[in-house]
Amino acid sequence: MPPVRAIDLFCGAGGSSWGARLAGAEIVAGFDRWKLAGEVYARNFPEAEFVHGNLEDHDPNQLADRLGEIDLIMASPECTNHSPAKGSQPRCETSRATAFEVARYARAFDPRWIVIENVVSMRRWARYRELIDELREIGYRVKPQILQADRFGVPTSRRRLFILCDRERGPAEVVPPVTVHPKPARQIVDLNGRYEWSPLRTPRRATGTLTRAERAMAALGHEEPFLIVYYGSDHAGGWQSLDVPLRTVTTVDRFAIVRPGRDGHQMRMLQVPELKKAMGFPQRFAFPAGSRRDQIHMIGNAVCPHLMQTVIRTLTTHETQA
């Protein structure tokens, strides 16, 4: 059986494409408007074409003629503005509406399968039902499913919505492997490596950071390392143990590791290689371009490759009529 030929819309650095490749797919092209992400994508997928620019600025019919038959479209439309807190400003609505480009490209490429990945809150978007209805109108059987990465062997508790589409059969339920157990954050953190540490307690250290650290030490004692978590709203006290999966990796620098030391506690921010591990990227996945901030943004925007691998294998191999 020939490999599934896939394109990746809103591809970013290529998390979905890497997962599809692991599932045996042939990666034909990636599409993104961020040129820097395109440089990273091209390095890791030299066999694929990178199409730069906004999807709405391209003619998908011309692209379909050039790229040939496509079996699978993967897409991670802009998700930063699906939060209800973003309101309904024109910029936000334009961002949200990029999801409808998936349907436009599906009409042109006519793939057997589509996988759309996004934040869980996309389901509360006012036009979410309209998008689902349009995919069904094109001819797809549609199955939305919420999946949590740590149940698929990825050491982060990231939860995402996957909209699975199949022209011929009802998509099967994506089920976590029975033999996989959640991996703790301890597996991705380098406590003794080459990175530079600084004292936790300094005159310039933010009060909020010290408060988070005190909460962690009150719960764990003073001899256990732990993570300080910034930009969180889950009422967890701004810290987490290393014995559970890392909380959601985002596009901002939000995790600091704290360890006990001979001269008091030390801390540093998690580094790009550690965040790559947390998302399930292999060491050989290269980030040849961009600043540290850019690379963290790309990692936080990415789809966990191993999760996408399972999704695509389930979608493209099941033979049960729903």
Protein backbone atom coordinates (compact mmCIF):
# COMPACT_ATOMS: atom_id res chain seq x y z
CA MET A 1 0.00 0.00 0.00
CA PRO A 2 1.49 3.38 -0.98
CA PRO A 3 2.11 5.88 1.83
CA VAL A 4 -0.50 8.45 2.72
CA ARG A 5 0.45 11.75 1.06
CA ALA A 6 -0.06 14.65 3.48
CA ILE A 7 0.04 18.43 3.62
CA ASP A 8 0.24 20.47 6.82
CA LEU A 9 -1.65 23.79 6.99
CA PHE A 10 -0.47 26.28 9.65
CA CYS A 11 2.48 23.90 10.03
CA GLY A 12 4.73 26.01 12.25
CA ALA A 13 7.95 24.16 12.98
CA GLY A 14 6.36 20.85 12.04
CA GLY A 15 5.05 18.91 15.04
CA SER A 16 2.09 17.50 13.11
CA SER A 17 4.26 16.63 10.13
CA TRP A 18 6.76 14.82 12.35
CA GLY A 19 3.95 12.79 13.87
CA ALA A 20 2.55 12.01 10.43
CA ARG A 21 5.97 10.90 9.26
CA LEU A 22 6.22 8.59 12.29
CA ALA A 23 2.86 7.15 11.23
CA GLY A 24 4.28 6.37 7.79
CA ALA A 25 2.93 9.33 5.82
CA GLU A 26 4.79 11.09 3.02
CA ILE A 27 5.03 14.80 3.82
CA VAL A 28 4.39 16.73 0.62
CA ALA A 29 4.16 20.34 1.82
CA GLY A 30 3.84 22.62 4.83
CA PHE A 31 2.11 26.00 4.81
CA ASP A 32 2.72 28.88 7.23
CA ARG A 33 2.93 32.66 7.21
CA TRP A 34 5.89 32.79 9.65
CA LYS A 35 9.02 32.67 7.52
CA LEU A 36 11.22 31.76 10.49
CA ALA A 37 9.10 28.70 11.21
CA GLY A 38 9.45 27.85 7.54
CA GLU A 39 13.24 27.75 7.88
CA VAL A 40 12.91 25.27 10.73
CA TYR A 41 10.35 23.25 8.79
CA ALA A 42 12.53 23.10 5.68
CA ARG A 43 15.49 21.87 7.72
CA ASN A 44 13.52 19.00 9.24
CA PHE A 45 11.46 18.13 6.16
CA PRO A 46 13.81 18.56 3.19
CA GLU A 47 11.58 16.30 1.10
CA ALA A 48 8.62 18.68 1.45
CA GLU A 49 7.83 22.03 -0.13
CA PHE A 50 7.31 24.97 2.22
CA VAL A 51 4.62 27.40 1.05
CA HIS A 52 5.06 30.79 2.71
CA GLY A 53 2.23 33.24 3.33
CA ASN A 54 -1.37 33.45 4.45
CA LEU A 55 -3.55 30.62 3.19
CA GLU A 56 -6.19 33.07 1.99
CA ASP A 57 -3.61 34.68 -0.33
CA HIS A 58 -2.99 31.45 -2.25
CA ASP A 59 -5.13 29.69 -4.85
CA PRO A 60 -5.60 26.15 -3.49
CA ASN A 61 -6.66 24.84 -6.90
CA GLN A 62 -3.34 25.89 -8.43
CA LEU A 63 -1.51 24.36 -5.46
CA ALA A 64 -3.46 21.13 -5.87
CA ASP A 65 -2.46 20.96 -9.54
CA ARG A 66 1.20 21.44 -8.60
CA LEU A 67 1.41 19.18 -5.55
CA GLY A 68 -0.64 16.32 -6.93
CA GLU A 69 -2.98 13.93 -5.17
CA ILE A 70 -3.23 14.44 -1.41
CA ASP A 71 -4.74 11.89 0.98
CA LEU A 72 -4.53 13.82 4.25
CA ILE A 73 -4.76 17.46 5.32
CA MET A 74 -3.52 18.34 8.80
CA ALA A 75 -4.31 21.81 10.11
CA SER A 76 -3.76 23.78 13.30
CA PRO A 77 -5.57 27.08 12.65
CA GLU A 78 -4.74 30.14 14.72
CA CYS A 79 -5.89 29.41 18.26
CA THR A 80 -4.73 32.39 20.31
CA ASN A 81 -8.00 34.21 19.79
CA HIS A 82 -10.47 31.41 20.53
CA SER A 83 -10.54 32.34 24.21
CA PRO A 84 -13.81 34.04 25.22
CA ALA A 85 -11.69 36.69 26.96
CA LYS A 86 -10.50 37.87 23.56
CA GLY A 87 -13.94 39.28 22.80
CA SER A 88 -15.21 39.86 19.28
CA GLN A 89 -12.89 42.50 17.89
CA PRO A 90 -12.41 42.37 14.09
CA ARG A 91 -8.81 41.18 14.43
CA CYS A 92 -9.89 38.29 16.62
CA GLU A 93 -12.69 37.29 14.26
CA THR A 94 -10.28 37.35 11.31
CA SER A 95 -7.90 35.12 13.24
CA ARG A 96 -10.62 32.68 14.21
CA ALA A 97 -11.97 32.56 10.66
CA THR A 98 -8.71 31.07 9.38
CA ALA A 99 -10.25 27.72 10.36
CA PHE A 100 -12.53 28.00 7.34
CA GLU A 101 -9.47 27.95 5.08
CA VAL A 102 -9.25 24.26 5.94
CA ALA A 103 -12.60 23.66 4.25
CA ARG A 104 -11.57 25.76 1.23
CA TYR A 105 -8.37 23.76 0.79
CA ALA A 106 -10.27 20.51 1.31
CA ARG A 107 -12.56 21.39 -1.59
CA ALA A 108 -9.53 21.91 -3.82
CA PHE A 109 -7.37 18.96 -2.72
CA ASP A 110 -10.22 16.52 -1.99
CA PRO A 111 -8.30 14.41 0.56
CA ARG A 112 -9.73 11.26 2.12
CA TRP A 113 -8.87 12.48 5.64
CA ILE A 114 -8.59 15.76 7.57
CA VAL A 115 -7.25 16.34 11.08
CA ILE A 116 -7.83 19.76 12.66
CA GLU A 117 -6.06 20.44 15.97
CA ASN A 118 -6.83 23.35 18.25
CA VAL A 119 -7.34 24.50 21.81
CA VAL A 120 -10.27 22.94 23.67
CA SER A 121 -11.98 26.33 23.96
CA MET A 122 -12.49 26.35 20.19
CA ARG A 123 -15.72 24.46 20.91
CA ARG A 124 -17.11 27.65 22.49
CA TRP A 125 -16.38 29.71 19.39
CA ALA A 126 -19.60 31.12 17.92
CA ARG A 127 -18.79 29.68 14.46
CA TYR A 128 -17.58 26.27 15.62
CA ARG A 129 -20.84 24.52 14.65
CA GLU A 130 -20.76 26.30 11.29
CA LEU A 131 -17.29 24.88 10.63
CA ILE A 132 -18.37 21.35 11.55
CA ASP A 133 -21.45 21.67 9.33
CA GLU A 134 -19.36 22.87 6.39
CA LEU A 135 -17.01 19.91 6.70
CA ARG A 136 -20.02 17.60 6.68
CA GLU A 137 -21.49 19.43 3.70
CA ILE A 138 -18.28 18.79 1.76
CA GLY A 139 -18.79 15.08 2.41
CA TYR A 140 -16.88 14.22 5.58
CA ARG A 141 -17.96 12.25 8.58
CA VAL A 142 -16.71 14.28 11.51
CA LYS A 143 -15.66 13.24 15.01
CA PRO A 144 -14.39 15.85 17.50
CA GLN A 145 -12.34 14.39 20.34
CA ILE A 146 -10.38 15.91 23.24
CA LEU A 147 -7.03 14.23 23.86
CA GLN A 148 -4.49 14.72 26.63
CA ALA A 149 -0.86 14.26 25.63
CA ASP A 150 0.41 12.55 28.79
CA ARG A 151 -1.91 9.61 28.15
CA PHE A 152 -0.01 8.95 24.94
CA GLY A 153 3.48 8.86 26.42
CA VAL A 154 4.27 12.58 26.16
CA PRO A 155 5.52 14.14 29.44
CA THR A 156 3.12 17.11 29.38
CA SER A 157 -0.53 17.33 30.42
CA ARG A 158 -1.45 19.42 27.37
CA ARG A 159 -5.11 18.96 26.30
CA ARG A 160 -6.23 19.69 22.77
CA LEU A 161 -9.26 19.32 20.54
CA PHE A 162 -8.86 17.10 17.47
CA ILE A 163 -11.51 17.20 14.75
CA LEU A 164 -11.19 13.96 12.78
CA CYS A 165 -12.71 13.77 9.31
CA ASP A 166 -13.07 10.80 6.94
CA ARG A 167 -14.87 10.80 3.59
CA GLU A 168 -15.63 7.06 3.60
CA ARG A 169 -16.13 5.93 7.20
CA GLY A 170 -16.93 7.29 10.61
CA PRO A 171 -13.59 8.07 12.29
CA ALA A 172 -12.66 5.64 15.05
CA GLU A 173 -12.15 6.68 18.65
CA VAL A 174 -8.51 7.53 19.37
CA VAL A 175 -7.63 5.44 22.42
CA PRO A 176 -4.49 5.83 24.57
CA PRO A 177 -2.21 2.77 24.51
CA VAL A 178 -2.89 0.49 27.48
CA THR A 179 0.82 0.04 28.16
CA VAL A 180 1.61 3.76 28.33
CA HIS A 181 1.80 5.50 31.69
CA PRO A 182 2.17 9.25 32.24
CA LYS A 183 5.80 10.38 32.22
CA PRO A 184 6.87 12.81 34.95
CA ALA A 185 8.48 16.18 34.31
CA ARG A 186 11.57 14.82 36.05
CA GLN A 187 12.38 12.92 32.84
CA ILE A 188 12.82 16.08 30.81
CA VAL A 189 14.66 18.27 33.32
CA ASP A 190 18.47 18.39 33.46
CA LEU A 191 19.22 18.96 37.15
CA ASN A 192 22.99 18.60 36.88
CA GLY A 193 23.84 19.65 33.34
CA ARG A 194 25.52 22.47 31.52
CA TYR A 195 22.98 25.21 32.14
CA GLU A 196 23.73 28.27 34.27
CA TRP A 197 21.94 28.56 37.61
CA SER A 198 21.45 31.60 39.86
CA PRO A 199 20.51 31.92 43.54
CA LEU A 200 16.78 31.78 44.18
CA ARG A 201 16.97 34.47 46.84
CA THR A 202 18.43 37.69 45.53
CA PRO A 203 17.43 41.31 46.21
CA ARG A 204 16.08 41.63 42.68
CA ARG A 205 14.04 38.42 42.66
CA ALA A 206 10.33 39.10 42.14
CA THR A 207 8.14 38.67 45.20
CA GLY A 208 5.74 36.49 43.21
CA THR A 209 8.53 34.05 42.36
CA LEU A 210 9.58 33.76 46.00
CA THR A 211 5.97 33.26 47.07
CA ARG A 212 5.58 30.40 44.60
CA ALA A 213 8.81 28.84 45.84
CA GLU A 214 7.73 29.08 49.48
CA ARG A 215 4.46 27.32 48.66
CA ALA A 216 6.35 24.51 46.94
CA MET A 217 8.80 24.07 49.82
CA ALA A 218 5.95 24.08 52.34
CA ALA A 219 4.42 21.14 50.48
CA LEU A 220 7.54 19.21 49.44
CA GLY A 221 10.15 20.15 52.03
CA HIS A 222 13.44 21.93 51.38
CA GLU A 223 15.35 19.03 49.79
CA GLU A 224 13.16 18.38 46.75
CA PRO A 225 13.58 20.16 43.40
CA PHE A 226 10.40 21.59 41.87
CA LEU A 227 9.10 23.77 39.08
CA ILE A 228 7.83 27.32 39.37
CA VAL A 229 5.02 27.92 36.88
CA TYR A 230 4.25 31.38 35.55
CA TYR A 231 1.18 32.60 33.64
CA GLY A 232 -1.11 29.95 35.11
CA SER A 233 -4.72 30.20 36.21
CA ASP A 234 -5.44 26.71 37.54
CA HIS A 235 -5.18 27.70 41.22
CA ALA A 236 -2.27 25.28 41.73
CA GLY A 237 -0.19 27.81 43.65
CA GLY A 238 2.21 28.66 40.83
CA TRP A 239 4.38 25.55 41.18
CA GLN A 240 4.39 21.85 40.38
CA SER A 241 6.17 18.68 41.43
CA LEU A 242 8.63 16.95 39.11
CA ASP A 243 6.77 13.68 39.71
CA VAL A 244 3.82 14.56 37.48
CA PRO A 245 3.74 15.51 33.78
CA LEU A 246 4.73 19.05 32.92
CA ARG A 247 1.82 21.43 32.70
CA THR A 248 0.91 22.79 29.28
CA VAL A 249 3.86 24.11 27.29
CA THR A 250 2.83 27.46 25.82
CA THR A 251 4.42 30.05 23.55
CA VAL A 252 5.87 31.97 26.52
CA ASP A 253 8.75 31.22 28.88
CA ARG A 254 6.71 29.95 31.84
CA PHE A 255 8.71 27.24 33.68
CA ALA A 256 11.60 27.68 36.11
CA ILE A 257 13.35 24.76 37.81
CA VAL A 258 14.45 25.18 41.44
CA ARG A 259 16.91 22.81 43.12
CA PRO A 260 18.44 22.71 46.62
CA GLY A 261 22.14 23.56 46.84
CA ARG A 262 24.98 23.76 49.30
CA ASP A 263 24.60 27.54 49.48
CA GLY A 264 20.82 27.68 49.24
CA HIS A 265 18.30 27.04 46.49
CA GLN A 266 19.18 27.80 42.87
CA MET A 267 16.93 28.38 39.89
CA ARG A 268 16.91 28.80 36.12
CA MET A 269 14.34 28.77 33.34
CA LEU A 270 13.74 25.56 31.42
CA GLN A 271 15.73 25.53 28.20
CA VAL A 272 14.75 24.74 24.61
CA PRO A 273 16.08 21.13 24.65
CA GLU A 274 14.03 20.42 27.79
CA LEU A 275 10.86 21.91 26.30
CA LYS A 276 11.44 19.91 23.12
CA LYS A 277 11.56 16.75 25.22
CA ALA A 278 8.40 17.76 27.06
CA MET A 279 6.54 18.01 23.75
CA GLY A 280 7.95 14.74 22.47
CA PHE A 281 10.32 16.11 19.83
CA PRO A 282 13.39 13.94 19.34
CA GLN A 283 16.86 15.33 19.92
CA ARG A 284 17.56 15.28 16.18
CA PHE A 285 14.72 17.71 15.47
CA ALA A 286 16.68 20.86 14.65
CA PHE A 287 15.95 24.51 15.37
CA PRO A 288 18.52 26.17 13.09
CA ALA A 289 16.84 29.59 13.14
CA GLY A 290 15.42 32.06 15.60
CA SER A 291 16.19 33.39 19.05
CA ARG A 292 15.47 31.43 22.22
CA ARG A 293 12.18 33.30 22.48
CA ASP A 294 11.30 32.41 18.87
CA GLN A 295 12.10 28.76 19.44
CA ILE A 296 10.00 28.59 22.61
CA HIS A 297 7.15 30.17 20.65
CA MET A 298 7.47 27.50 17.95
CA ILE A 299 7.57 24.68 20.48
CA GLY A 300 4.55 26.03 22.34
CA ASN A 301 2.62 26.37 19.08
CA ALA A 302 3.45 22.84 17.97
CA VAL A 303 1.38 19.68 18.07
CA CYS A 304 2.88 16.86 20.13
CA PRO A 305 4.31 14.55 17.44
CA HIS A 306 3.59 11.26 19.21
CA LEU A 307 -0.01 12.24 19.82
CA MET A 308 -0.48 13.14 16.16
CA GLN A 309 1.18 9.86 15.20
CA THR A 310 -1.48 7.93 17.12
CA VAL A 311 -4.29 10.08 15.73
CA ILE A 312 -3.21 9.53 12.13
CA ARG A 313 -2.61 5.82 12.54
CA THR A 314 -6.06 5.43 14.05
CA LEU A 315 -7.72 7.52 11.37
CA THR A 316 -6.00 5.97 8.36
CA THR A 317 -5.97 2.30 9.34
CA HIS A 318 -9.33 1.54 10.97
CA GLU A 319 -11.85 -0.33 8.86
CA THR A 320 -14.95 -0.19 11.06
CA GLN A 321 -18.06 1.43 9.65
CA ALA A 322 -19.48 3.85 12.20
